[in-house]
């Protein structure tokens, strides 16, 4: 069974959005899907807007659509984009 490492960019809908709330919600959703080794980083975009970059490992059979769809349901998130996808065997 293969494991994939994903980096996903979560864009909030405004510069005043609480990024810690987004991170907390994302952690809960991803852990329910079997994600491991979660880490978060805030990346400045422009004019005070910051994206949340989340990196995690996920069993390959879960698929990337699962993670994208779950993260897209978080309140105050305008978009979810896969930035990096790497496959490892475990």
Protein backbone atom coordinates (compact mmCIF):
# COMPACT_ATOMS: atom_id res chain seq x y z
CA UNK A 1 0.00 0.00 0.00
CA UNK A 2 1.38 3.39 -0.99
CA UNK A 3 1.39 6.56 1.04
CA UNK A 4 1.24 10.01 -0.54
CA UNK A 5 2.50 13.27 0.88
CA UNK A 6 0.37 16.25 -0.04
CA UNK A 7 0.85 19.97 0.33
CA UNK A 8 -2.45 21.81 -0.02
CA UNK A 9 -2.98 25.57 -0.11
CA UNK A 10 -6.13 26.75 1.67
CA UNK A 11 -7.13 30.31 0.74
CA UNK A 12 -9.34 32.23 3.20
CA UNK A 13 -12.08 34.49 1.89
CA UNK A 14 -10.65 37.63 3.55
CA UNK A 15 -7.49 38.93 5.27
CA UNK A 16 -9.41 39.14 8.56
CA UNK A 17 -10.34 35.42 8.58
CA UNK A 18 -9.14 33.52 11.66
CA UNK A 19 -6.45 31.23 10.25
CA UNK A 20 -6.10 29.31 13.51
CA UNK A 21 -9.78 28.30 13.29
CA UNK A 22 -9.20 27.08 9.70
CA UNK A 23 -6.15 25.09 10.84
CA UNK A 24 -8.03 23.52 13.72
CA UNK A 25 -10.97 22.55 11.52
CA UNK A 26 -8.62 21.19 8.81
CA UNK A 27 -6.76 19.07 11.38
CA UNK A 28 -10.01 17.50 12.61
CA UNK A 29 -11.28 16.75 9.10
CA UNK A 30 -8.00 15.32 7.83
CA UNK A 31 -7.35 13.15 10.88
CA UNK A 32 -10.81 11.59 10.42
CA UNK A 33 -9.70 10.62 6.89
CA UNK A 34 -6.53 8.94 8.18
CA UNK A 35 -4.03 11.75 7.58
CA UNK A 36 -0.75 11.57 9.52
CA UNK A 37 2.15 13.96 10.19
CA UNK A 38 0.10 17.13 9.74
CA UNK A 39 1.93 20.45 9.71
CA UNK A 40 0.68 23.95 8.98
CA UNK A 41 2.37 27.09 7.70
CA UNK A 42 0.98 30.55 6.96
CA UNK A 43 2.18 31.93 3.63
CA UNK A 44 1.81 35.65 2.83
CA UNK A 45 0.05 36.22 -0.50
CA UNK A 46 -0.68 39.96 -0.93
CA UNK A 47 -2.22 42.95 0.83
CA UNK A 48 -2.38 41.21 4.22
CA UNK A 49 -3.94 38.03 2.84
CA UNK A 50 -2.28 34.81 4.00
CA UNK A 51 -2.82 31.26 2.82
CA UNK A 52 -2.67 28.21 5.06
CA UNK A 53 -0.31 25.58 3.70
CA UNK A 54 -1.03 22.13 5.12
CA UNK A 55 1.34 19.20 4.62
CA UNK A 56 0.34 15.64 5.50
CA UNK A 57 0.61 11.96 4.63
CA UNK A 58 -2.44 10.04 3.42
CA UNK A 59 -3.05 6.48 2.19
CA UNK A 60 -3.10 6.66 -1.61
CA UNK A 61 -6.44 4.84 -1.95
CA UNK A 62 -8.18 7.76 -0.20
CA UNK A 63 -7.48 9.95 -3.24
CA UNK A 64 -6.85 13.66 -3.37
CA UNK A 65 -10.50 14.50 -4.05
CA UNK A 66 -11.42 13.40 -0.53
CA UNK A 67 -9.01 15.88 1.06
CA UNK A 68 -9.93 18.70 -1.33
CA UNK A 69 -13.68 18.25 -0.85
CA UNK A 70 -13.44 18.03 2.95
CA UNK A 71 -11.21 21.11 3.23
CA UNK A 72 -13.51 23.05 0.88
CA UNK A 73 -16.35 22.72 3.40
CA UNK A 74 -14.52 24.74 6.07
CA UNK A 75 -16.26 28.09 6.75
CA UNK A 76 -14.51 31.18 5.30
CA UNK A 77 -12.41 29.17 2.81
CA UNK A 78 -12.56 30.48 -0.73
CA UNK A 79 -10.40 27.83 -2.46
CA UNK A 80 -8.37 24.67 -1.92
CA UNK A 81 -5.49 23.81 -4.26
CA UNK A 82 -3.05 20.90 -4.33
CA UNK A 83 0.43 22.42 -4.49
CA UNK A 84 2.50 19.20 -4.31
CA UNK A 85 1.83 15.45 -4.53
CA UNK A 86 4.53 12.90 -3.82
CA UNK A 87 4.17 9.15 -3.69
CA UNK A 88 6.07 6.89 -1.28
CA UNK A 89 5.75 3.19 -0.60
CA UNK A 90 5.25 2.05 2.96
